[in-house]
Amino acid sequence: MAEKIVIALGGNALQSGKGAATAEAQLEVVKNTCERVAEISNMGYEIAVVHGNGPQVGRIVMASEAAREVTPAMPFDVCGAMSQGYIGYHIQQALTYALNKQNRDIPVVTVATQVIVDEQDPAFNNPTKPIGPFYSEEEAKALAEEKGWTVKEDAGRGWRRVVASPKPREIVEIDAVKQLWDKTIVITCGGGGIPVIEKMDGHLEGVAAVIDKDFAAELLAEKVEADMLIILTEVEKVAINFNKPDQQDLSHMTLKEAAGYIEEGQFPAGSMLPKVEAAMKFVRMYPSKKAIITSLDKAVDALNGETGTVITFN
């Protein structure tokens, strides 16, 4: 039986740089990303792909708001669904091409995925999830005043708009994903999933939020009983004292060690913290399994045990 892996792709896997990117520029970055993903598939793993959408959904929201005088602005959850569609389309196109170059005929499909969140989740009272482009502090605060946004500084990289990031509870389309798993590579829970709440009468209703894609990927890994969760980001290894003279890159963390670093405040919210917490949640659920955090370019090396940060129960 081939091992199952859920791959969570960070923002750098979809676009480069801090500025707004065109769809064409994004596709060029995605092509490189999908070469790496194809390599993982070629190693014999069965994979599903989860991706972020912060910059993309931010641009969709801004475009919708800019056209408000011409057509009504789209609700935030609808903008999230739109981002799932066009990012998934780019990944489908590029990954199919990368696989075909290896003479591997594997269908790649995108599932528009709803993820249920709790209406009472405290995250709605404390927005933390960055979306859209980076701004200077002056620009960000002016936009906050003008549009009523919440803005925060993002791990030393600039200022961004932030929205609520509730925890994912259930993946609505999980049965469809399971049925597709053995015959396709599934792109699912894009952007963390379209956030919906379940009403008393059982119907689903979209809400203005962005679910962290790392937590959505972890929930997916739980539901399909994956053998491994691999979270791909901008750095080769998780570090403590990041960007300081005494920075220390970590090759391995146990649950206990990771919890201690979190208590020390080593991992910024909205950046490395959710990645570490998602990895911890997976190995807590499956103590015999592991999660890996590494960079896209080092993913194959990390799967071969040569680099990356491995998180285990003990």
Protein backbone atom coordinates (compact mmCIF):
# COMPACT_ATOMS: atom_id res chain seq x y z
CA MET A 1 0.00 0.00 0.00
CA ALA A 2 1.37 3.41 -0.97
CA GLU A 3 1.74 5.87 1.89
CA LYS A 4 -0.76 8.70 1.97
CA ILE A 5 0.54 12.26 2.31
CA VAL A 6 -1.38 15.51 2.68
CA ILE A 7 0.71 18.41 1.33
CA ALA A 8 0.01 21.94 2.57
CA LEU A 9 1.41 24.56 0.20
CA GLY A 10 2.36 27.98 1.58
CA GLY A 11 1.95 31.31 -0.18
CA ASN A 12 5.45 31.22 -1.68
CA ALA A 13 4.38 28.13 -3.62
CA LEU A 14 1.79 30.22 -5.47
CA GLN A 15 3.48 33.57 -5.99
CA SER A 16 6.79 35.28 -5.31
CA GLY A 17 7.57 38.66 -3.85
CA LYS A 18 5.53 41.00 -1.67
CA GLY A 19 3.68 42.89 -4.34
CA ALA A 20 0.49 41.99 -6.12
CA ALA A 21 1.05 39.35 -8.81
CA THR A 22 -0.82 38.85 -12.05
CA ALA A 23 -2.53 35.56 -12.82
CA GLU A 24 0.12 34.92 -15.45
CA ALA A 25 2.94 35.48 -12.95
CA GLN A 26 1.22 33.19 -10.45
CA LEU A 27 0.97 30.43 -13.05
CA GLU A 28 4.73 30.59 -13.67
CA VAL A 29 5.42 30.13 -9.94
CA VAL A 30 2.85 27.33 -9.74
CA LYS A 31 4.60 25.50 -12.59
CA ASN A 32 7.78 25.28 -10.51
CA THR A 33 5.76 24.24 -7.46
CA CYS A 34 4.06 21.46 -9.37
CA GLU A 35 7.42 20.11 -10.57
CA ARG A 36 8.23 19.54 -6.87
CA VAL A 37 4.80 18.06 -6.15
CA ALA A 38 5.18 15.71 -9.13
CA GLU A 39 8.53 14.57 -7.73
CA ILE A 40 6.78 13.60 -4.50
CA SER A 41 4.12 11.71 -6.44
CA ASN A 42 6.85 9.97 -8.43
CA MET A 43 8.34 8.68 -5.15
CA GLY A 44 5.28 6.46 -4.87
CA TYR A 45 3.21 8.47 -2.43
CA GLU A 46 -0.52 9.00 -2.79
CA ILE A 47 -1.08 12.71 -2.26
CA ALA A 48 -3.69 15.39 -1.81
CA VAL A 49 -2.88 19.09 -2.03
CA VAL A 50 -4.12 21.90 0.21
CA HIS A 51 -3.09 25.47 -0.60
CA GLY A 52 -3.30 28.91 0.96
CA ASN A 53 -5.09 31.86 -0.62
CA GLY A 54 -4.24 34.94 1.48
CA PRO A 55 -2.87 37.23 -1.27
CA GLN A 56 -5.32 35.92 -3.88
CA VAL A 57 -8.52 36.27 -1.87
CA GLY A 58 -7.31 39.68 -0.73
CA ARG A 59 -7.01 40.85 -4.33
CA ILE A 60 -10.40 39.41 -5.22
CA VAL A 61 -11.97 41.25 -2.29
CA MET A 62 -10.24 44.50 -3.25
CA ALA A 63 -11.31 44.18 -6.89
CA SER A 64 -14.88 43.48 -5.80
CA GLU A 65 -14.90 46.48 -3.48
CA ALA A 66 -13.37 48.74 -6.14
CA ALA A 67 -16.22 47.87 -8.49
CA ARG A 68 -18.89 48.51 -5.86
CA GLU A 69 -20.40 51.42 -7.80
CA VAL A 70 -20.83 49.21 -10.87
CA THR A 71 -21.89 45.91 -9.28
CA PRO A 72 -22.53 44.80 -5.68
CA ALA A 73 -19.42 43.60 -3.83
CA MET A 74 -19.11 39.85 -3.42
CA PRO A 75 -19.40 38.41 0.12
CA PHE A 76 -16.10 37.32 1.62
CA ASP A 77 -16.95 33.60 1.53
CA VAL A 78 -17.81 33.86 -2.17
CA CYS A 79 -14.42 35.52 -2.80
CA GLY A 80 -12.83 32.54 -1.03
CA ALA A 81 -14.69 30.16 -3.32
CA MET A 82 -13.51 32.13 -6.35
CA SER A 83 -9.91 31.85 -5.15
CA GLN A 84 -10.31 28.07 -4.78
CA GLY A 85 -11.42 27.87 -8.38
CA TYR A 86 -8.66 29.84 -10.04
CA ILE A 87 -5.80 28.58 -7.87
CA GLY A 88 -7.03 25.01 -8.31
CA TYR A 89 -7.23 25.54 -12.05
CA HIS A 90 -3.60 26.70 -12.13
CA ILE A 91 -2.43 23.74 -10.04
CA GLN A 92 -4.44 21.27 -12.14
CA GLN A 93 -2.95 22.61 -15.34
CA ALA A 94 0.65 22.76 -14.11
CA LEU A 95 0.64 19.48 -12.17
CA THR A 96 -0.94 17.55 -15.04
CA TYR A 97 1.81 18.88 -17.33
CA ALA A 98 4.55 17.99 -14.82
CA LEU A 99 3.18 14.45 -14.43
CA ASN A 100 2.79 13.98 -18.19
CA LYS A 101 6.47 14.85 -18.66
CA GLN A 102 7.18 11.80 -16.49
CA ASN A 103 4.80 9.69 -18.61
CA ARG A 104 2.39 9.45 -15.69
CA ASP A 105 -1.27 9.76 -16.59
CA ILE A 106 -2.90 10.70 -13.28
CA PRO A 107 -6.04 12.85 -13.21
CA VAL A 108 -5.78 16.01 -11.11
CA VAL A 109 -9.04 17.48 -9.86
CA THR A 110 -10.10 20.42 -7.71
CA VAL A 111 -12.98 20.06 -5.27
CA ALA A 112 -14.72 23.25 -4.18
CA THR A 113 -14.62 22.51 -0.48
CA GLN A 114 -16.74 23.88 2.34
CA VAL A 115 -15.41 23.63 5.88
CA ILE A 116 -17.68 24.01 8.88
CA VAL A 117 -16.58 26.37 11.66
CA ASP A 118 -18.15 27.19 15.01
CA GLU A 119 -20.19 30.38 14.98
CA GLN A 120 -19.05 30.98 18.58
CA ASP A 121 -15.33 30.48 17.81
CA PRO A 122 -13.42 33.16 19.78
CA ALA A 123 -11.38 33.92 16.66
CA PHE A 124 -14.24 36.07 15.41
CA ASN A 125 -13.45 38.48 18.25
CA ASN A 126 -9.70 38.54 17.53
CA PRO A 127 -8.85 38.63 13.78
CA THR A 128 -5.34 37.31 13.09
CA LYS A 129 -5.26 35.85 9.57
CA PRO A 130 -3.32 37.98 7.05
CA ILE A 131 -4.87 38.44 3.60
CA GLY A 132 -3.97 40.57 0.62
CA PRO A 133 -0.74 42.41 -0.13
CA PHE A 134 1.82 43.89 2.24
CA TYR A 135 1.68 47.58 3.12
CA SER A 136 3.85 50.04 4.98
CA GLU A 137 2.61 50.86 8.47
CA GLU A 138 1.36 54.25 7.28
CA GLU A 139 -0.54 52.77 4.31
CA ALA A 140 -2.06 50.00 6.42
CA LYS A 141 -3.35 52.31 9.12
CA ALA A 142 -4.82 54.68 6.55
CA LEU A 143 -6.69 51.80 4.93
CA ALA A 144 -7.88 50.61 8.33
CA GLU A 145 -9.31 54.05 9.00
CA GLU A 146 -10.89 54.31 5.56
CA LYS A 147 -12.35 50.80 5.22
CA GLY A 148 -12.79 49.66 8.82
CA TRP A 149 -10.22 46.90 8.41
CA THR A 150 -8.16 45.35 11.18
CA VAL A 151 -4.45 45.53 10.27
CA LYS A 152 -1.42 44.02 11.94
CA GLU A 153 2.31 43.73 11.40
CA ASP A 154 3.17 40.35 9.84
CA ALA A 155 6.35 38.74 11.21
CA GLY A 156 8.65 41.61 10.23
CA ARG A 157 7.59 41.47 6.57
CA GLY A 158 5.19 44.42 6.50
CA TRP A 159 1.62 45.25 7.45
CA ARG A 160 -1.46 43.40 6.18
CA ARG A 161 -5.19 43.25 6.61
CA VAL A 162 -6.27 40.48 9.00
CA VAL A 163 -9.59 38.66 9.32
CA ALA A 164 -10.95 36.03 11.70
CA SER A 165 -9.38 32.58 11.46
CA PRO A 166 -11.70 30.09 13.16
CA LYS A 167 -10.66 26.47 13.58
CA PRO A 168 -12.03 23.96 11.05
CA ARG A 169 -14.51 21.46 12.49
CA GLU A 170 -15.75 19.35 9.59
CA ILE A 171 -15.00 19.04 5.86
CA VAL A 172 -18.35 18.96 4.10
CA GLU A 173 -17.10 17.22 0.95
CA ILE A 174 -14.86 14.68 2.74
CA ASP A 175 -16.75 11.65 1.36
CA ALA A 176 -16.20 12.88 -2.20
CA VAL A 177 -12.50 13.42 -1.48
CA LYS A 178 -12.19 9.87 -0.12
CA GLN A 179 -13.86 8.44 -3.21
CA LEU A 180 -11.51 10.39 -5.48
CA TRP A 181 -8.36 9.60 -3.49
CA ASP A 182 -7.30 6.29 -5.05
CA LYS A 183 -7.80 7.41 -8.65
CA THR A 184 -6.75 11.07 -8.69
CA ILE A 185 -4.64 13.73 -7.07
CA VAL A 186 -7.16 15.89 -5.27
CA ILE A 187 -6.76 19.62 -4.65
CA THR A 188 -9.07 20.28 -1.74
CA CYS A 189 -9.68 22.60 1.21
CA GLY A 190 -8.17 25.40 -0.88
CA GLY A 191 -7.43 28.46 1.22
CA GLY A 192 -8.40 26.39 4.25
CA GLY A 193 -11.84 25.77 2.79
CA ILE A 194 -14.87 27.99 2.25
CA PRO A 195 -15.89 28.84 5.85
CA VAL A 196 -19.48 27.95 6.62
CA ILE A 197 -21.56 27.61 9.77
CA GLU A 198 -24.28 25.02 10.28
CA LYS A 199 -27.63 26.56 11.19
CA MET A 200 -30.27 25.02 13.45
CA ASP A 201 -32.29 23.70 10.51
CA GLY A 202 -29.17 22.03 9.06
CA HIS A 203 -28.45 24.38 6.16
CA LEU A 204 -24.99 25.86 5.67
CA GLU A 205 -24.24 29.58 5.56
CA GLY A 206 -20.99 31.24 4.51
CA VAL A 207 -19.16 33.58 6.90
CA ALA A 208 -16.47 36.26 6.51
CA ALA A 209 -13.33 34.46 7.61
CA VAL A 210 -10.26 32.64 6.36
CA ILE A 211 -9.54 29.21 7.80
CA ASP A 212 -5.83 28.58 8.23
CA LYS A 213 -4.83 26.15 5.49
CA ASP A 214 -2.43 24.31 7.82
CA PHE A 215 -5.25 23.42 10.23
CA ALA A 216 -7.48 22.45 7.30
CA ALA A 217 -4.70 20.25 5.91
CA GLU A 218 -4.32 18.63 9.33
CA LEU A 219 -8.06 17.95 9.56
CA LEU A 220 -7.95 16.43 6.07
CA ALA A 221 -4.97 14.27 7.08
CA GLU A 222 -6.98 13.03 10.07
CA LYS A 223 -10.09 12.27 8.05
CA VAL A 224 -8.28 10.28 5.34
CA GLU A 225 -5.97 8.65 7.93
CA ALA A 226 -2.89 9.92 6.12
CA ASP A 227 0.50 8.49 6.98
CA MET A 228 2.13 11.91 7.01
CA LEU A 229 1.38 15.62 6.97
CA ILE A 230 3.96 17.77 5.22
CA ILE A 231 3.70 21.55 5.49
CA LEU A 232 5.73 23.44 2.89
CA THR A 233 6.71 27.02 3.63
CA GLU A 234 9.53 29.50 2.94
CA VAL A 235 12.13 28.08 5.34
CA GLU A 236 13.98 24.78 5.31
CA LYS A 237 13.57 24.24 9.04
CA VAL A 238 11.61 25.66 11.94
CA ALA A 239 13.81 27.93 14.04
CA ILE A 240 13.83 29.35 17.53
CA ASN A 241 15.13 32.89 18.09
CA PHE A 242 14.28 33.48 14.43
CA ASN A 243 16.22 36.30 12.71
CA LYS A 244 18.35 36.82 15.83
CA PRO A 245 22.10 36.26 16.23
CA ASP A 246 21.41 33.10 18.24
CA GLN A 247 18.90 31.60 15.79
CA GLN A 248 18.77 27.83 16.05
CA ASP A 249 17.32 25.65 13.31
CA LEU A 250 15.51 22.57 14.57
CA SER A 251 15.70 19.17 12.89
CA HIS A 252 13.29 17.53 15.30
CA MET A 253 10.68 18.48 17.89
CA THR A 254 8.64 16.31 20.21
CA LEU A 255 5.20 17.44 21.30
CA LYS A 256 6.59 18.45 24.66
CA GLU A 257 9.44 20.46 23.14
CA ALA A 258 7.12 22.20 20.67
CA ALA A 259 4.71 23.11 23.46
CA GLY A 260 7.59 24.62 25.43
CA TYR A 261 8.70 26.75 22.49
CA ILE A 262 5.14 27.97 21.98
CA GLU A 263 4.94 28.95 25.64
CA GLU A 264 8.14 30.95 25.18
CA GLY A 265 6.53 32.81 22.27
CA GLN A 266 9.01 31.48 19.71
CA PHE A 267 6.56 31.17 16.83
CA PRO A 268 4.62 34.19 15.50
CA ALA A 269 0.84 33.93 15.19
CA GLY A 270 -0.26 33.95 11.55
CA SER A 271 3.16 32.70 10.48
CA MET A 272 4.98 29.68 11.98
CA LEU A 273 2.66 29.14 14.96
CA PRO A 274 -0.26 27.55 13.06
CA LYS A 275 2.14 25.28 11.17
CA VAL A 276 3.64 23.96 14.38
CA GLU A 277 0.26 23.65 16.07
CA ALA A 278 -1.19 21.78 13.08
CA ALA A 279 1.77 19.40 13.06
CA MET A 280 1.34 18.84 16.80
CA LYS A 281 -2.36 18.11 16.42
CA PHE A 282 -1.69 15.46 13.77
CA VAL A 283 0.90 13.54 15.77
CA ARG A 284 -1.23 13.86 18.90
CA MET A 285 -4.02 12.13 16.99
CA TYR A 286 -1.65 9.56 15.48
CA PRO A 287 1.27 9.05 17.90
CA SER A 288 3.02 6.56 15.59
CA LYS A 289 3.08 9.01 12.67
CA LYS A 290 4.97 12.22 11.96
CA ALA A 291 4.61 15.65 10.44
CA ILE A 292 7.28 17.57 8.55
CA ILE A 293 7.73 21.32 8.10
CA THR A 294 10.18 22.38 5.41
CA SER A 295 10.55 24.45 2.25
CA LEU A 296 9.12 23.55 -1.12
CA ASP A 297 12.54 23.07 -2.70
CA LYS A 298 13.64 20.74 0.11
CA ALA A 299 10.47 18.64 0.24
CA VAL A 300 11.96 15.58 -1.44
CA ASP A 301 15.09 15.77 0.70
CA ALA A 302 12.92 16.06 3.81
CA LEU A 303 10.91 12.98 2.82
CA ASN A 304 14.25 11.17 2.45
CA GLY A 305 15.15 12.17 6.00
CA GLU A 306 17.88 14.62 4.99
CA THR A 307 16.46 17.94 6.18
CA GLY A 308 13.33 19.71 7.41
CA THR A 309 11.85 19.77 10.90
CA VAL A 310 10.20 16.51 11.92
CA ILE A 311 7.54 16.63 14.62
CA THR A 312 6.81 13.42 16.50
CA PHE A 313 4.86 12.41 19.59
CA ASN A 314 8.05 11.55 21.55
